[in-house]
Protein backbone atom coordinates (compact mmCIF):
# COMPACT_ATOMS: atom_id res chain seq x y z
CA UNK A 1 -7.50 38.10 -37.00
CA UNK A 2 -10.53 38.46 -34.71
CA UNK A 3 -13.93 38.59 -36.38
CA UNK A 4 -15.61 41.98 -36.00
CA UNK A 5 -18.67 40.35 -34.41
CA UNK A 6 -16.53 38.46 -31.88
CA UNK A 7 -17.71 38.84 -28.28
CA UNK A 8 -15.78 37.28 -25.41
CA UNK A 9 -18.94 37.27 -23.34
CA UNK A 10 -20.95 35.48 -26.04
CA UNK A 11 -18.15 32.95 -26.59
CA UNK A 12 -17.98 32.23 -22.86
CA UNK A 13 -21.73 31.73 -22.77
CA UNK A 14 -21.50 29.15 -25.58
CA UNK A 15 -18.72 27.37 -23.71
CA UNK A 16 -20.85 27.27 -20.57
CA UNK A 17 -23.63 25.68 -22.60
CA UNK A 18 -21.14 23.14 -23.98
CA UNK A 19 -19.96 22.36 -20.44
CA UNK A 20 -23.60 21.58 -19.54
CA UNK A 21 -23.92 19.07 -22.40
CA UNK A 22 -25.20 15.55 -21.78
CA UNK A 23 -22.06 14.07 -23.35
CA UNK A 24 -19.00 13.93 -21.04
CA UNK A 25 -16.51 14.59 -23.84
CA UNK A 26 -18.35 17.78 -24.80
CA UNK A 27 -18.38 18.77 -21.13
CA UNK A 28 -14.61 18.32 -21.06
CA UNK A 29 -14.09 20.56 -24.09
CA UNK A 30 -16.28 23.26 -22.59
CA UNK A 31 -14.61 23.16 -19.14
CA UNK A 32 -11.11 23.08 -20.62
CA UNK A 33 -11.79 26.11 -22.85
CA UNK A 34 -13.30 28.01 -19.91
CA UNK A 35 -10.10 27.47 -17.91
CA UNK A 36 -8.00 28.67 -20.83
CA UNK A 37 -10.15 31.81 -21.16
CA UNK A 38 -10.45 32.41 -17.42
CA UNK A 39 -9.05 36.01 -17.43
CA UNK A 40 -11.71 37.00 -19.99
CA UNK A 41 -14.68 35.70 -17.99
CA UNK A 42 -16.97 37.99 -16.03
CA UNK A 43 -17.62 37.39 -12.33
CA UNK A 44 -20.98 35.78 -13.04
CA UNK A 45 -19.49 33.58 -15.76
CA UNK A 46 -16.72 32.46 -13.40
CA UNK A 47 -19.32 31.48 -10.83
CA UNK A 48 -21.16 29.38 -13.42
CA UNK A 49 -17.89 27.93 -14.70
CA UNK A 50 -16.86 26.88 -11.19
CA UNK A 51 -20.13 24.96 -10.85
CA UNK A 52 -19.68 23.23 -14.22
CA UNK A 53 -16.03 22.35 -13.54
CA UNK A 54 -16.93 20.97 -10.11
CA UNK A 55 -19.65 18.78 -11.62
CA UNK A 56 -17.30 17.48 -14.30
CA UNK A 57 -14.49 16.67 -11.84
CA UNK A 58 -17.01 14.85 -9.65
CA UNK A 59 -18.08 12.78 -12.66
CA UNK A 60 -14.46 11.92 -13.42
CA UNK A 61 -13.09 11.21 -9.94
CA UNK A 62 -15.97 10.36 -7.56
CA UNK A 63 -18.06 7.23 -7.18
CA UNK A 64 -21.26 7.45 -9.25
CA UNK A 65 -24.40 8.65 -7.50
CA UNK A 66 -26.72 9.33 -10.45
CA UNK A 67 -27.58 7.95 -13.88
CA UNK A 68 -24.95 10.06 -15.65
CA UNK A 69 -22.24 8.79 -13.29
CA UNK A 70 -23.18 5.15 -13.77
CA UNK A 71 -23.23 5.58 -17.56
CA UNK A 72 -19.75 7.11 -17.36
CA UNK A 73 -18.45 4.17 -15.31
CA UNK A 74 -19.94 1.83 -17.89
CA UNK A 75 -18.16 3.75 -20.66
CA UNK A 76 -14.83 3.55 -18.79
CA UNK A 77 -15.21 -0.21 -18.42
CA UNK A 78 -15.96 -0.62 -22.14
CA UNK A 79 -12.88 1.45 -23.00
CA UNK A 80 -10.71 -0.90 -20.94
CA UNK A 81 -12.20 -3.92 -22.70
CA UNK A 82 -11.74 -2.54 -26.20
CA UNK A 83 -8.27 -1.20 -25.46
CA UNK A 84 -7.02 -4.64 -24.43
CA UNK A 85 -8.90 -6.25 -27.31
CA UNK A 86 -7.44 -3.87 -29.89
CA UNK A 87 -3.92 -4.32 -28.50
CA UNK A 88 -4.29 -8.04 -29.12
CA UNK A 89 -5.65 -7.63 -32.65
CA UNK A 90 -3.40 -4.77 -33.76
CA UNK A 91 -0.10 -5.30 -31.85
CA UNK A 92 1.89 -3.00 -34.14
CA UNK A 93 -0.32 0.06 -33.82
CA UNK A 94 0.84 3.10 -31.81
CA UNK A 95 -0.71 3.00 -28.31
CA UNK A 96 -2.47 6.35 -28.72
CA UNK A 97 -4.13 5.19 -31.95
CA UNK A 98 -5.37 2.03 -30.24
CA UNK A 99 -6.64 4.04 -27.27
CA UNK A 100 -8.53 6.45 -29.52
CA UNK A 101 -10.15 3.50 -31.30
CA UNK A 102 -11.14 1.99 -27.95
CA UNK A 103 -12.90 5.22 -26.94
CA UNK A 104 -14.69 5.34 -30.30
CA UNK A 105 -15.90 1.74 -30.03
CA UNK A 106 -17.04 2.33 -26.45
CA UNK A 107 -18.91 5.45 -27.58
CA UNK A 108 -20.78 3.45 -30.23
CA UNK A 109 -21.86 0.81 -27.70
CA UNK A 110 -22.83 3.47 -25.15
CA UNK A 111 -25.29 4.98 -27.61
CA UNK A 112 -27.25 1.71 -27.46
CA UNK A 113 -26.93 1.27 -23.70
CA UNK A 114 -27.95 4.89 -23.02
CA UNK A 115 -31.06 4.58 -25.19
CA UNK A 116 -31.99 1.29 -23.55
CA UNK A 117 -31.43 2.69 -20.05
CA UNK A 118 -33.81 5.54 -20.89
CA UNK A 119 -36.68 3.08 -21.28
CA UNK A 120 -36.46 2.05 -17.60
CA UNK A 121 -38.20 3.90 -14.82
CA UNK A 122 -35.15 3.12 -12.64
CA UNK A 123 -32.21 2.98 -15.07
CA UNK A 124 -29.38 2.60 -12.52
CA UNK A 125 -30.08 -1.09 -11.67
CA UNK A 126 -30.13 -1.89 -15.40
CA UNK A 127 -26.78 -0.15 -15.97
CA UNK A 128 -25.25 -1.88 -12.94
CA UNK A 129 -26.50 -5.27 -14.13
CA UNK A 130 -25.02 -4.75 -17.61
CA UNK A 131 -21.67 -3.77 -16.10
CA UNK A 132 -21.45 -6.48 -13.45
CA UNK A 133 -22.85 -9.42 -15.42
CA UNK A 134 -21.61 -8.71 -18.95
CA UNK A 135 -18.94 -6.03 -19.37
CA UNK A 136 -16.85 -6.60 -16.24
CA UNK A 137 -16.31 -10.39 -16.67
CA UNK A 138 -15.56 -9.87 -20.37
CA UNK A 139 -13.05 -7.12 -19.54
CA UNK A 140 -11.33 -9.15 -16.82
CA UNK A 141 -10.80 -12.12 -19.14
CA UNK A 142 -9.47 -9.92 -21.91
CA UNK A 143 -7.17 -8.05 -19.52
CA UNK A 144 -5.68 -11.29 -18.21
CA UNK A 145 -4.87 -12.50 -21.71
CA UNK A 146 -3.57 -9.11 -22.87
CA UNK A 147 -1.26 -8.71 -19.88
CA UNK A 148 0.32 -12.06 -20.66
CA UNK A 149 0.76 -12.04 -24.42
CA UNK A 150 0.28 -8.55 -25.85
CA UNK A 151 3.27 -6.89 -27.44
CA UNK A 152 5.10 -4.49 -25.06
CA UNK A 153 4.89 -0.80 -25.95
CA UNK A 154 5.94 2.51 -24.46
CA UNK A 155 3.59 3.93 -21.87
CA UNK A 156 1.60 6.99 -22.91
CA UNK A 157 -0.58 9.26 -20.80
CA UNK A 158 -3.60 8.72 -23.05
CA UNK A 159 -3.41 4.93 -22.67
CA UNK A 160 -2.51 4.91 -18.97
CA UNK A 161 -5.23 7.40 -18.03
CA UNK A 162 -7.77 5.31 -19.92
CA UNK A 163 -6.89 2.23 -17.85
CA UNK A 164 -5.94 3.67 -14.45
CA UNK A 165 -8.78 5.10 -12.35
CA UNK A 166 -6.37 7.37 -10.44
CA UNK A 167 -6.33 9.72 -13.45
CA UNK A 168 -10.08 10.11 -13.67
CA UNK A 169 -9.77 9.21 -17.38
CA UNK A 170 -7.69 11.20 -19.91
CA UNK A 171 -10.26 13.96 -19.58
CA UNK A 172 -9.99 14.20 -15.82
CA UNK A 173 -6.22 14.64 -15.86
CA UNK A 174 -6.53 16.73 -19.02
CA UNK A 175 -8.74 19.26 -17.27
CA UNK A 176 -6.57 19.33 -14.13
CA UNK A 177 -3.56 20.23 -16.26
CA UNK A 178 -5.45 23.33 -17.49
CA UNK A 179 -7.14 24.28 -14.24
CA UNK A 180 -4.47 26.45 -12.58
CA UNK A 181 -6.02 29.89 -13.44
CA UNK A 182 -9.29 28.82 -11.82
CA UNK A 183 -7.86 27.33 -8.61
CA UNK A 184 -8.49 30.37 -6.32
CA UNK A 185 -12.19 30.52 -7.22
CA UNK A 186 -12.59 26.73 -7.13
CA UNK A 187 -11.14 26.53 -3.61
CA UNK A 188 -13.62 29.16 -2.44
CA UNK A 189 -16.58 27.09 -3.65
CA UNK A 190 -18.16 24.80 -1.08
CA UNK A 191 -19.16 22.42 -3.91
CA UNK A 192 -16.12 22.46 -6.21
CA UNK A 193 -13.39 22.71 -3.55
CA UNK A 194 -13.85 19.21 -2.02
CA UNK A 195 -13.85 17.37 -5.35
CA UNK A 196 -10.88 19.39 -6.67
CA UNK A 197 -8.97 18.62 -3.47
CA UNK A 198 -9.76 14.89 -3.73
CA UNK A 199 -8.76 14.76 -7.40
CA UNK A 200 -5.44 16.57 -6.98
CA UNK A 201 -4.56 14.64 -3.82
CA UNK A 202 -5.40 11.33 -5.49
CA UNK A 203 -3.10 12.09 -8.40
CA UNK A 204 -0.27 13.45 -6.27
CA UNK A 205 -0.34 10.32 -4.11
CA UNK A 206 -0.41 8.10 -7.19
CA UNK A 207 2.13 9.91 -9.38
CA UNK A 208 3.96 12.57 -7.39
CA UNK A 209 5.09 15.24 -9.84
CA UNK A 210 5.49 12.76 -12.72
CA UNK A 211 3.44 11.81 -15.76
CA UNK A 212 4.50 9.54 -18.63
CA UNK A 213 6.66 11.27 -21.23
CA UNK A 214 4.60 12.26 -24.30
CA UNK A 215 4.83 9.75 -27.16
CA UNK A 216 2.56 11.62 -29.59
CA UNK A 217 0.88 14.99 -30.09
CA UNK A 218 -1.82 14.02 -27.59
CA UNK A 219 -1.21 15.61 -24.18
CA UNK A 220 2.11 16.91 -25.45
CA UNK A 221 2.51 19.49 -22.69
CA UNK A 222 0.58 17.69 -19.93
CA UNK A 223 3.68 16.44 -18.09
CA UNK A 224 5.10 19.96 -17.67
CA UNK A 225 1.66 21.36 -16.83
CA UNK A 226 1.12 18.74 -14.13
CA UNK A 227 4.53 19.35 -12.52
CA UNK A 228 3.78 23.09 -12.42
CA UNK A 229 0.31 22.50 -10.99
CA UNK A 230 1.78 20.33 -8.21
CA UNK A 231 4.20 23.10 -7.24
CA UNK A 232 1.43 25.71 -7.33
CA UNK A 233 -0.91 23.52 -5.29
CA UNK A 234 1.66 22.83 -2.57
CA UNK A 235 2.39 26.57 -2.24
CA UNK A 236 -1.28 27.52 -1.90
CA UNK A 237 -2.15 28.18 1.76
CA UNK A 238 -5.80 27.27 1.16
CA UNK A 239 -4.96 23.80 -0.23
CA UNK A 240 -5.43 21.14 2.50
CA UNK A 241 -3.04 18.30 3.48
CA UNK A 242 -0.01 20.16 2.19
CA UNK A 243 2.44 18.47 4.54
CA UNK A 244 1.42 14.90 3.63
CA UNK A 245 1.31 15.64 -0.10
CA UNK A 246 4.69 17.42 0.02
CA UNK A 247 6.19 14.33 1.66
CA UNK A 248 4.69 12.16 -1.09
CA UNK A 249 6.22 14.35 -3.81
CA UNK A 250 9.58 14.36 -2.00
CA UNK A 251 9.60 10.56 -1.78
CA UNK A 252 8.73 10.19 -5.48
CA UNK A 253 11.66 12.39 -6.44
CA UNK A 254 14.02 10.55 -4.08
CA UNK A 255 13.20 7.13 -5.49
CA UNK A 256 14.22 8.20 -8.98
CA UNK A 257 17.76 8.20 -7.54
CA UNK A 258 19.16 4.61 -7.66
CA UNK A 259 21.10 4.94 -4.39
CA UNK A 260 18.08 6.22 -2.43
CA UNK A 261 15.89 3.52 -3.97
CA UNK A 262 18.42 0.82 -3.04
CA UNK A 263 18.37 1.92 0.59
CA UNK A 264 14.56 2.05 0.68
CA UNK A 265 14.26 -1.47 -0.76
CA UNK A 266 16.90 -2.82 1.63
CA UNK A 267 14.94 -1.78 4.73
CA UNK A 268 11.56 -3.04 3.52
CA UNK A 269 11.49 -6.38 5.40
CA UNK A 270 12.23 -4.62 8.71
CA UNK A 271 10.01 -1.57 8.11
CA UNK A 272 6.68 -1.11 9.87
CA UNK A 273 3.54 -1.77 7.84
CA UNK A 274 2.63 1.86 6.92
CA UNK A 275 6.21 2.65 5.84
CA UNK A 276 6.49 -0.54 3.79
CA UNK A 277 3.18 0.03 2.01
CA UNK A 278 4.09 3.68 1.25
CA UNK A 279 7.46 2.68 -0.24
CA UNK A 280 6.08 -0.23 -2.26
CA UNK A 281 3.20 1.87 -3.58
CA UNK A 282 5.63 4.56 -4.76
CA UNK A 283 7.88 1.93 -6.35
CA UNK A 284 4.92 0.37 -8.15
CA UNK A 285 3.65 3.73 -9.42
CA UNK A 286 7.10 4.85 -10.62
CA UNK A 287 7.44 1.55 -12.49
CA UNK A 288 4.09 2.21 -14.18
CA UNK A 289 5.22 5.73 -15.12
CA UNK A 290 8.55 4.34 -16.43
CA UNK A 291 10.46 6.49 -13.96
CA UNK A 292 11.88 3.67 -11.80
CA UNK A 293 15.60 2.73 -11.85
CA UNK A 294 15.27 -1.02 -12.35
CA UNK A 295 18.58 -2.52 -11.17
CA UNK A 296 18.12 -1.90 -7.39
CA UNK A 297 14.73 -3.65 -7.46
CA UNK A 298 16.12 -6.66 -9.31
CA UNK A 299 19.22 -7.04 -7.11
CA UNK A 300 17.02 -7.26 -4.03
CA UNK A 301 14.24 -9.49 -5.33
CA UNK A 302 16.55 -11.97 -7.09
CA UNK A 303 18.47 -12.63 -3.85
CA UNK A 304 17.26 -15.83 -2.17
CA UNK A 305 17.85 -14.49 1.35
CA UNK A 306 15.83 -11.38 0.53
CA UNK A 307 13.06 -13.54 -0.92
CA UNK A 308 12.85 -15.48 2.35
CA UNK A 309 12.69 -12.26 4.37
CA UNK A 310 9.95 -10.98 2.04
CA UNK A 311 7.86 -14.12 2.56
CA UNK A 312 8.35 -13.83 6.30
CA UNK A 313 7.40 -10.16 6.65
CA UNK A 314 5.31 -9.13 3.59
CA UNK A 315 1.57 -9.67 3.47
CA UNK A 316 -0.32 -10.30 0.21
CA UNK A 317 -0.80 -6.60 -0.52
CA UNK A 318 2.93 -5.98 -0.13
CA UNK A 319 3.88 -8.90 -2.37
CA UNK A 320 1.41 -7.90 -5.09
CA UNK A 321 2.85 -4.36 -5.22
CA UNK A 322 6.45 -5.61 -5.34
CA UNK A 323 5.76 -8.26 -7.98
CA UNK A 324 3.68 -5.93 -10.12
CA UNK A 325 6.48 -3.34 -10.05
CA UNK A 326 9.22 -5.71 -11.18
CA UNK A 327 7.06 -7.34 -13.88
CA UNK A 328 6.04 -3.90 -15.15
CA UNK A 329 9.71 -2.90 -15.43
CA UNK A 330 10.51 -6.14 -17.26
CA UNK A 331 7.68 -5.69 -19.75
CA UNK A 332 8.18 -2.00 -20.47
CA UNK A 333 11.95 -1.52 -20.28
CA UNK A 334 13.35 -5.01 -21.13
CA UNK A 335 16.38 -4.74 -18.83
CA UNK A 336 19.35 -7.11 -19.10
CA UNK A 337 18.05 -9.28 -16.26
CA UNK A 338 14.71 -9.77 -18.01
CA UNK A 339 15.43 -13.42 -18.91
CA UNK A 340 16.30 -14.28 -15.30
CA UNK A 341 13.04 -13.09 -13.75
CA UNK A 342 11.01 -16.27 -14.44
CA UNK A 343 13.64 -18.32 -12.62
CA UNK A 344 13.47 -15.98 -9.63
CA UNK A 345 9.73 -16.66 -9.45
CA UNK A 346 10.42 -20.40 -9.68
CA UNK A 347 12.69 -20.16 -6.65
CA UNK A 348 10.04 -18.18 -4.75
CA UNK A 349 7.40 -20.80 -5.61
CA UNK A 350 9.54 -23.51 -4.01
CA UNK A 351 9.10 -21.64 -0.72
CA UNK A 352 5.34 -21.17 -1.18
CA UNK A 353 2.99 -23.09 1.11
CA UNK A 354 -0.40 -21.36 0.85
CA UNK A 355 -2.89 -20.95 -2.03
CA UNK A 356 -2.85 -17.16 -1.64
CA UNK A 357 0.93 -16.91 -2.03
CA UNK A 358 0.88 -19.43 -4.87
CA UNK A 359 -1.64 -17.31 -6.79
CA UNK A 360 0.53 -14.19 -6.47
CA UNK A 361 3.76 -15.87 -7.57
CA UNK A 362 2.17 -17.95 -10.35
CA UNK A 363 0.73 -14.74 -11.81
CA UNK A 364 4.21 -13.20 -11.73
CA UNK A 365 5.76 -16.32 -13.24
CA UNK A 366 3.30 -16.41 -16.15
CA UNK A 367 3.67 -12.68 -16.89
CA UNK A 368 7.49 -12.76 -16.82
CA UNK A 369 7.66 -16.02 -18.78
CA UNK A 370 5.33 -14.84 -21.53
CA UNK A 371 7.23 -11.56 -21.88
CA UNK A 372 10.35 -13.55 -22.83
CA UNK A 373 8.38 -16.35 -24.52
CA UNK A 374 10.40 -18.73 -22.35
CA UNK A 375 7.57 -21.21 -22.04
CA UNK A 376 9.85 -24.16 -21.23
CA UNK A 377 10.22 -22.69 -17.73
CA UNK A 378 6.61 -23.70 -17.04
CA UNK A 379 7.42 -27.41 -17.43
CA UNK A 380 9.44 -27.25 -14.22
CA UNK A 381 6.35 -26.50 -12.14
CA UNK A 382 5.35 -30.17 -12.25
CA UNK A 383 8.64 -31.27 -10.73
CA UNK A 384 8.62 -33.00 -7.37
CA UNK A 385 9.92 -30.00 -5.41
CA UNK A 386 6.74 -27.96 -6.07
CA UNK A 387 3.68 -28.47 -3.93
CA UNK A 388 0.31 -29.52 -5.42
CA UNK A 389 -0.99 -26.08 -4.40
CA UNK A 390 1.39 -24.42 -6.89
CA UNK A 391 0.59 -26.91 -9.66
CA UNK A 392 -3.16 -26.42 -9.20
CA UNK A 393 -2.88 -22.62 -9.29
CA UNK A 394 -0.94 -22.79 -12.54
CA UNK A 395 -3.62 -25.00 -14.05
CA UNK A 396 -6.36 -22.60 -12.94
CA UNK A 397 -4.60 -19.65 -14.57
CA UNK A 398 -4.03 -21.52 -17.83
CA UNK A 399 -7.67 -22.63 -17.93
CA UNK A 400 -8.72 -18.99 -17.42
CA UNK A 401 -6.75 -17.70 -20.40
CA UNK A 402 -7.87 -20.61 -22.61
CA UNK A 403 -11.56 -19.89 -22.01
CA UNK A 404 -11.92 -17.02 -24.56
CA UNK A 405 -9.43 -18.54 -27.03
CA UNK A 406 -11.81 -18.62 -30.02
CA UNK A 407 -12.33 -14.85 -29.82
CA UNK A 408 -8.59 -14.12 -30.16
CA UNK A 409 -6.41 -13.51 -33.24
CA UNK A 410 -4.46 -16.49 -34.58
CA UNK A 411 -1.05 -15.52 -33.15
CA UNK A 412 -2.60 -15.15 -29.68
CA UNK A 413 -4.20 -18.59 -29.92
CA UNK A 414 -0.80 -20.07 -30.85
CA UNK A 415 0.87 -18.45 -27.82
CA UNK A 416 -1.86 -19.65 -25.46
CA UNK A 417 -1.52 -23.19 -26.78
CA UNK A 418 2.23 -23.08 -26.19
CA UNK A 419 1.59 -22.02 -22.60
CA UNK A 420 -1.00 -24.75 -22.12
CA UNK A 421 1.15 -27.49 -23.66
CA UNK A 422 3.97 -26.80 -21.26
CA UNK A 423 2.01 -25.94 -18.16
CA UNK A 424 -0.49 -28.80 -18.34
CA UNK A 425 1.87 -31.65 -19.21
C-alpha cells in the first residue's frame, strides 16, 4: 500500500541527497536505490543521479585524488586487516559474518582517523603516513599468517570483494550489478562514462561472466545480475573495447571445460609471453572464483618434465600466477591430490638456484603444507640436496610469521610453533 502523501519526485530527491552523503556506505545506498527507481526519475533527476553515480564509481575503482578517496583507501586496508584477524580468532564463523564484523571494526577506527585528519591543514599526507607506516605493515603480517593457518572456507562475494581490489569493494560490484537501467545515460556523460567503462572492463578482465556462488542472503542475486550485465554491455554499440572484452569472456567460459583447460595448460611453456600471461591470469582468477576444474592443473604441475619446462620458460610473474592458482584450489576445494602438493613443491625447490625462485616456491610449499598440516615435510628442506638459498628463504618466512605470535589466538600460536620446530631444526 502506497502512502497517500507519497511522491516519487520527493523520494528521488531524498535519495539524491543520500547519494551526496559524506559516508561512502550511505552514498552506495542512495546510488543503488536511484538505479532501481530509474524509470521513475525525471530528466533533471537522472542528470543529477548520473553525476552522483559517476563520483561513487570513481571513489570505488579509481586511485584516490582527494581526501575522501584517501580515507576510503584507508578504510579498505583496515577491512583487510580485521577480516584476516577475525578469521584467525573465529575460525568457525560464516565468512559473511566475519566480513561484516571487519567492516564494522574498520568503521569504528575510521571515525577516529577521520576526526584526526580534519585537524590538519593538509590531511592527505597524514592519512598516507598512517596507512603506509602503521596499517599496511600490520595488514601484511596478518595476511601472511592467515593465508597459512586459517581454516579453509567457501568463497563468498562479500568476502572476496572486500579483499580483492578488482571488485571496487562489495559496494562497487554491488552498484554495478544494479546499474543496467542507467547505462545509456551514463555512457553519454563525459564524466561518468570513462569511470564506468574502466570499472566494467576491470571486472570483466578479472572475472569474465562469473562471480562466486552466493553462500548467504547477501548478494543473493548478484551472480545472475553480473552475467546479464556482461551480456548487455558487450551488445551495446557505445561500449568501448568490445572485441577484447568479448575474447576475455569467451576464454573464461572455455577454461571451465576440463579438456580446453588441459590443452591451454599443455601449451604454456611454448606460448609467447602475452598468451601465457593471459592464460595464467584467467586460470588464477577462475581458481579464486572456485570455477576452475582442478585435475588438469595438477596433472601438469606435478609432472617433473613439465616443472623443468616451467622453470626454463616462465618468469616470476608467470610462476606466481600458476602457484597461486594451484594453492588456491587446494585450500578451497581439497581435491584428492591435496596431500601430494607439498612434495611437488619440494621437487621444484631441488631445481631452484636463485633467491627469487626460492621465495616463490617456499611460499607455495608453506601454504600447501599448512593446509594439510603436514609439517614434517618441512624437515626435508635442510637435507643436503637443497641449496643454502632455499634454506635461508624458509627461515626468513618462518621468522616473519613468528613476529606477531603474541597477538594470535592460542591454536594459531601452536601451529606456528609446529612450523618453526620443523623448519628451523
